[in-house]
C-alpha atoms as a PDB file:
ATOM      1  CA  MET A   1      27.943  18.718-112.390  1.00  0.00           C
ATOM      2  CA  LYS A   2      26.451  19.150-108.791  1.00  0.00           C
ATOM      3  CA  THR A   3      22.911  19.915-108.500  1.00  0.00           C
ATOM      4  CA  THR A   4      21.626  22.490-106.189  1.00  0.00           C
ATOM      5  CA  PRO A   5      19.084  21.331-103.660  1.00  0.00           C
ATOM      6  CA  GLN A   6      15.918  23.169-103.347  1.00  0.00           C
ATOM      7  CA  LEU A   7      15.642  24.924-100.301  1.00  0.00           C
ATOM      8  CA  ASP A   8      12.603  26.328 -98.547  1.00  0.00           C
ATOM      9  CA  ALA A   9      11.732  28.738 -95.915  1.00  0.00           C
ATOM     10  CA  ILE A  10      12.348  26.415 -93.068  1.00  0.00           C
ATOM     11  CA  ASP A  11      15.390  24.716 -94.199  1.00  0.00           C
ATOM     12  CA  ARG A  12      17.052  28.087 -94.573  1.00  0.00           C
ATOM     13  CA  ARG A  13      16.120  29.393 -91.129  1.00  0.00           C
ATOM     14  CA  MET A  14      17.383  25.673 -89.933  1.00  0.00           C
ATOM     15  CA  LEU A  15      20.945  26.591 -91.766  1.00  0.00           C
ATOM     16  CA  ARG A  16      21.433  30.077 -90.342  1.00  0.00           C
ATOM     17  CA  ALA A  17      20.609  28.747 -86.843  1.00  0.00           C
ATOM     18  CA  LEU A  18      23.218  26.346 -87.039  1.00  0.00           C
ATOM     19  CA  GLN A  19      25.579  28.425 -88.723  1.00  0.00           C
ATOM     20  CA  ARG A  20      25.340  30.636 -85.339  1.00  0.00           C
ATOM     21  CA  ASP A  21      24.998  27.586 -83.193  1.00  0.00           C
ATOM     22  CA  GLY A  22      26.242  23.975 -84.809  1.00  0.00           C
ATOM     23  CA  ARG A  23      25.654  22.520 -81.290  1.00  0.00           C
ATOM     24  CA  LEU A  24      21.805  23.091 -81.179  1.00  0.00           C
ATOM     25  CA  SER A  25      20.242  19.915 -80.311  1.00  0.00           C
ATOM     26  CA  VAL A  26      17.542  18.763 -82.630  1.00  0.00           C
ATOM     27  CA  VAL A  27      14.837  19.609 -79.985  1.00  0.00           C
ATOM     28  CA  ALA A  28      16.186  23.110 -79.566  1.00  0.00           C
ATOM     29  CA  LEU A  29      16.379  23.785 -83.503  1.00  0.00           C
ATOM     30  CA  ALA A  30      12.905  22.240 -84.333  1.00  0.00           C
ATOM     31  CA  GLU A  31      11.779  25.243 -81.533  1.00  0.00           C
ATOM     32  CA  GLN A  32      13.618  28.021 -83.324  1.00  0.00           C
ATOM     33  CA  VAL A  33      12.078  26.905 -86.626  1.00  0.00           C
ATOM     34  CA  GLY A  34       8.672  25.872 -85.655  1.00  0.00           C
ATOM     35  CA  LEU A  35       8.769  22.044 -86.608  1.00  0.00           C
ATOM     36  CA  SER A  36       8.381  19.427 -83.889  1.00  0.00           C
ATOM     37  CA  PRO A  37      11.646  17.288 -83.415  1.00  0.00           C
ATOM     38  CA  THR A  38      10.770  14.531 -85.639  1.00  0.00           C
ATOM     39  CA  PRO A  39      10.377  16.125 -89.275  1.00  0.00           C
ATOM     40  CA  CYS A  40      13.258  18.376 -88.267  1.00  0.00           C
ATOM     41  CA  GLN A  41      15.419  15.669 -87.731  1.00  0.00           C
ATOM     42  CA  ARG A  42      14.045  14.150 -91.013  1.00  0.00           C
ATOM     43  CA  ARG A  43      15.288  17.603 -92.773  1.00  0.00           C
ATOM     44  CA  LEU A  44      18.651  18.057 -91.189  1.00  0.00           C
ATOM     45  CA  ARG A  45      19.664  14.318 -92.355  1.00  0.00           C
ATOM     46  CA  ARG A  46      18.475  15.401 -95.898  1.00  0.00           C
ATOM     47  CA  LEU A  47      20.494  18.524 -95.801  1.00  0.00           C
ATOM     48  CA  GLU A  48      23.568  16.555 -94.509  1.00  0.00           C
ATOM     49  CA  GLU A  49      23.261  13.775 -97.000  1.00  0.00           C
ATOM     50  CA  GLN A  50      22.840  16.433 -99.771  1.00  0.00           C
ATOM     51  CA  GLY A  51      25.899  18.015 -98.650  1.00  0.00           C
ATOM     52  CA  VAL A  52      24.333  21.565 -98.072  1.00  0.00           C
ATOM     53  CA  ILE A  53      25.802  21.097 -94.606  1.00  0.00           C
ATOM     54  CA  GLY A  54      29.371  19.755 -95.163  1.00  0.00           C
ATOM     55  CA  ARG A  55      30.576  19.341 -91.338  1.00  0.00           C
ATOM     56  CA  TYR A  56      30.347  20.561 -87.914  1.00  0.00           C
ATOM     57  CA  ALA A  57      33.207  22.597 -86.538  1.00  0.00           C
ATOM     58  CA  ALA A  58      33.924  25.119 -83.851  1.00  0.00           C
ATOM     59  CA  VAL A  59      35.314  28.302 -84.916  1.00  0.00           C
ATOM     60  CA  LEU A  60      38.840  28.936 -83.380  1.00  0.00           C
ATOM     61  CA  ASP A  61      40.577  31.999 -82.888  1.00  0.00           C
ATOM     62  CA  PRO A  62      44.026  31.548 -84.475  1.00  0.00           C
ATOM     63  CA  GLY A  63      45.729  34.265 -82.085  1.00  0.00           C
ATOM     64  CA  ARG A  64      44.267  32.291 -79.041  1.00  0.00           C
ATOM     65  CA  VAL A  65      45.850  29.205 -80.196  1.00  0.00           C
ATOM     66  CA  GLY A  66      49.254  30.755 -80.627  1.00  0.00           C
ATOM     67  CA  LEU A  67      48.854  31.268 -84.335  1.00  0.00           C
ATOM     68  CA  PRO A  68      48.188  34.854 -84.757  1.00  0.00           C
ATOM     69  CA  LEU A  69      50.380  35.463 -87.853  1.00  0.00           C
ATOM     70  CA  GLN A  70      48.156  35.067 -91.073  1.00  0.00           C
ATOM     71  CA  ALA A  71      49.382  35.238 -94.757  1.00  0.00           C
ATOM     72  CA  PHE A  72      47.738  34.651 -97.946  1.00  0.00           C
ATOM     73  CA  VAL A  73      49.987  33.321-100.754  1.00  0.00           C
ATOM     74  CA  MET A  74      49.593  33.419-104.197  1.00  0.00           C
ATOM     75  CA  VAL A  75      51.253  30.538-106.184  1.00  0.00           C
ATOM     76  CA  ALA A  76      52.360  30.159-109.908  1.00  0.00           C
ATOM     77  CA  LEU A  77      53.589  26.725-110.749  1.00  0.00           C
ATOM     78  CA  SER A  78      55.933  26.133-113.545  1.00  0.00           C
ATOM     79  CA  SER A  79      53.958  23.449-115.252  1.00  0.00           C
ATOM     80  CA  HIS A  80      50.414  22.558-115.093  1.00  0.00           C
ATOM     81  CA  ALA A  81      51.065  18.701-116.206  1.00  0.00           C
ATOM     82  CA  GLU A  82      49.542  16.377-114.198  1.00  0.00           C
ATOM     83  CA  GLU A  83      51.941  15.215-112.032  1.00  0.00           C
ATOM     84  CA  VAL A  84      52.944  18.648-111.235  1.00  0.00           C
ATOM     85  CA  VAL A  85      49.928  19.578-110.214  1.00  0.00           C
ATOM     86  CA  GLU A  86      48.939  16.237-108.282  1.00  0.00           C
ATOM     87  CA  GLY A  87      52.822  16.768-106.450  1.00  0.00           C
ATOM     88  CA  PHE A  88      52.042  19.900-105.444  1.00  0.00           C
ATOM     89  CA  GLN A  89      48.255  19.259-104.263  1.00  0.00           C
ATOM     90  CA  LYS A  90      49.398  16.278-102.526  1.00  0.00           C
ATOM     91  CA  ALA A  91      52.292  18.172-100.475  1.00  0.00           C
ATOM     92  CA  LEU A  92      50.340  21.041 -99.783  1.00  0.00           C
ATOM     93  CA  SER A  93      47.711  19.114 -98.265  1.00  0.00           C
ATOM     94  CA  ALA A  94      50.254  17.469 -95.592  1.00  0.00           C
ATOM     95  CA  ARG A  95      51.043  21.006 -94.460  1.00  0.00           C
ATOM     96  CA  PRO A  96      49.111  22.155 -91.120  1.00  0.00           C
ATOM     97  CA  GLU A  97      50.334  25.595 -91.835  1.00  0.00           C
ATOM     98  CA  VAL A  98      47.981  25.697 -94.696  1.00  0.00           C
ATOM     99  CA  LEU A  99      44.518  26.633 -93.503  1.00  0.00           C
ATOM    100  CA  ALA A 100      42.801  26.590 -96.787  1.00  0.00           C
ATOM    101  CA  ALA A 101      43.940  26.695-100.450  1.00  0.00           C
ATOM    102  CA  TYR A 102      42.165  27.655-103.778  1.00  0.00           C
ATOM    103  CA  ALA A 103      42.707  26.938-107.072  1.00  0.00           C
ATOM    104  CA  MET A 104      42.557  30.036-109.282  1.00  0.00           C
ATOM    105  CA  SER A 105      42.291  31.674-112.538  1.00  0.00           C
ATOM    106  CA  GLY A 106      44.272  34.686-113.191  1.00  0.00           C
ATOM    107  CA  GLU A 107      48.044  35.065-113.222  1.00  0.00           C
ATOM    108  CA  MET A 108      48.777  32.644-110.184  1.00  0.00           C
ATOM    109  CA  ASP A 109      47.750  29.442-110.008  1.00  0.00           C
ATOM    110  CA  TYR A 110      46.605  28.683-106.193  1.00  0.00           C
ATOM    111  CA  LEU A 111      45.654  31.052-103.155  1.00  0.00           C
ATOM    112  CA  LEU A 112      46.513  29.942 -99.708  1.00  0.00           C
ATOM    113  CA  HIS A 113      45.657  31.003 -96.149  1.00  0.00           C
ATOM    114  CA  ILE A 114      48.565  30.264 -93.936  1.00  0.00           C
ATOM    115  CA  LEU A 115      48.628  30.396 -90.225  1.00  0.00           C
ATOM    116  CA  ALA A 116      52.068  30.697 -88.256  1.00  0.00           C
ATOM    117  CA  ALA A 117      53.267  31.788 -84.832  1.00  0.00           C
ATOM    118  CA  ASP A 118      55.573  34.282 -85.825  1.00  0.00           C
ATOM    119  CA  PHE A 119      57.302  35.454 -88.990  1.00  0.00           C
ATOM    120  CA  GLU A 120      60.387  33.302 -88.209  1.00  0.00           C
ATOM    121  CA  SER A 121      58.005  30.148 -88.150  1.00  0.00           C
ATOM    122  CA  TYR A 122      56.194  31.614 -91.671  1.00  0.00           C
ATOM    123  CA  ALA A 123      59.491  31.921 -93.371  1.00  0.00           C
ATOM    124  CA  ASP A 124      60.682  28.557 -92.373  1.00  0.00           C
ATOM    125  CA  PHE A 125      57.714  27.221 -94.060  1.00  0.00           C
ATOM    126  CA  ALA A 126      58.232  29.311 -97.358  1.00  0.00           C
ATOM    127  CA  MET A 127      61.578  28.551 -97.533  1.00  0.00           C
ATOM    128  CA  ARG A 128      61.653  25.010 -96.494  1.00  0.00           C
ATOM    129  CA  ALA A 129      58.483  23.648 -97.384  1.00  0.00           C
ATOM    130  CA  LEU A 130      56.753  26.030 -99.985  1.00  0.00           C
ATOM    131  CA  LEU A 131      59.224  26.881-102.496  1.00  0.00           C
ATOM    132  CA  ARG A 132      60.558  23.357-102.748  1.00  0.00           C
ATOM    133  CA  MET A 133      57.007  21.615-103.273  1.00  0.00           C
ATOM    134  CA  PRO A 134      56.910  20.245-106.893  1.00  0.00           C
ATOM    135  CA  GLY A 135      55.986  22.785-109.669  1.00  0.00           C
ATOM    136  CA  VAL A 136      56.507  25.650-107.441  1.00  0.00           C
ATOM    137  CA  LYS A 137      57.585  28.525-109.686  1.00  0.00           C
ATOM    138  CA  GLU A 138      56.893  31.848-108.145  1.00  0.00           C
ATOM    139  CA  THR A 139      55.082  33.024-104.888  1.00  0.00           C
ATOM    140  CA  LYS A 140      53.875  36.685-103.529  1.00  0.00           C
ATOM    141  CA  SER A 141      52.841  36.744 -99.739  1.00  0.00           C
ATOM    142  CA  SER A 142      50.405  39.324 -98.003  1.00  0.00           C
ATOM    143  CA  PHE A 143      50.077  39.369 -94.443  1.00  0.00           C
ATOM    144  CA  VAL A 144      46.948  40.060 -92.689  1.00  0.00           C
ATOM    145  CA  LEU A 145      47.209  43.147 -90.594  1.00  0.00           C
ATOM    146  CA  ALA A 146      43.522  43.312 -89.113  1.00  0.00           C
ATOM    147  CA  ALA A 147      40.717  40.744 -89.664  1.00  0.00           C
ATOM    148  CA  LEU A 148      38.207  43.577 -90.892  1.00  0.00           C
ATOM    149  CA  LYS A 149      35.408  40.765 -91.761  1.00  0.00           C
ATOM    150  CA  PRO A 150      36.544  37.610 -90.945  1.00  0.00           C
ATOM    151  CA  PRO A 151      34.690  34.361 -92.715  1.00  0.00           C
ATOM    152  CA  GLY A 152      31.197  34.496 -91.250  1.00  0.00           C
ATOM    153  CA  GLU A 153      27.875  32.682 -92.020  1.00  0.00           C
ATOM    154  CA  VAL A 154      26.974  31.837 -95.613  1.00  0.00           C
ATOM    155  CA  PRO A 155      24.076  33.991 -96.577  1.00  0.00           C
ATOM    156  CA  VAL A 156      20.858  31.788 -97.113  1.00  0.00           C
END
């Protein structure tokens, strides 16, 4: 079981600042949170080592890079046997259309966030890839009409 690191007010200010701008230098971050650069660097390193900060990334607009169609797909597997689940997860991880995938409780086993250039591209992915992945019994797709509250900052 993962332990939750203890975060104080300075850690939380650092995390909020980095979520807004992951390109902040240590000096700029230190200024924003009221530390000198050396202790700020130590805290930053600790947050990275503890896995609180998993990675640094740019947030892209899917539509502006040619992937305006977004779908959420629920997937039910025919079996939960280890080889079926592993085969499905391996096939899934090889597909660039899959932005995110979550193992779920409830009536479906997985929830996938898919990006595609258009409906034809999505249909091609669904028919030629997704439905042919090991163990896929059923899928249900819903298409994003508008992103009312896109992924944002984790409230720390």
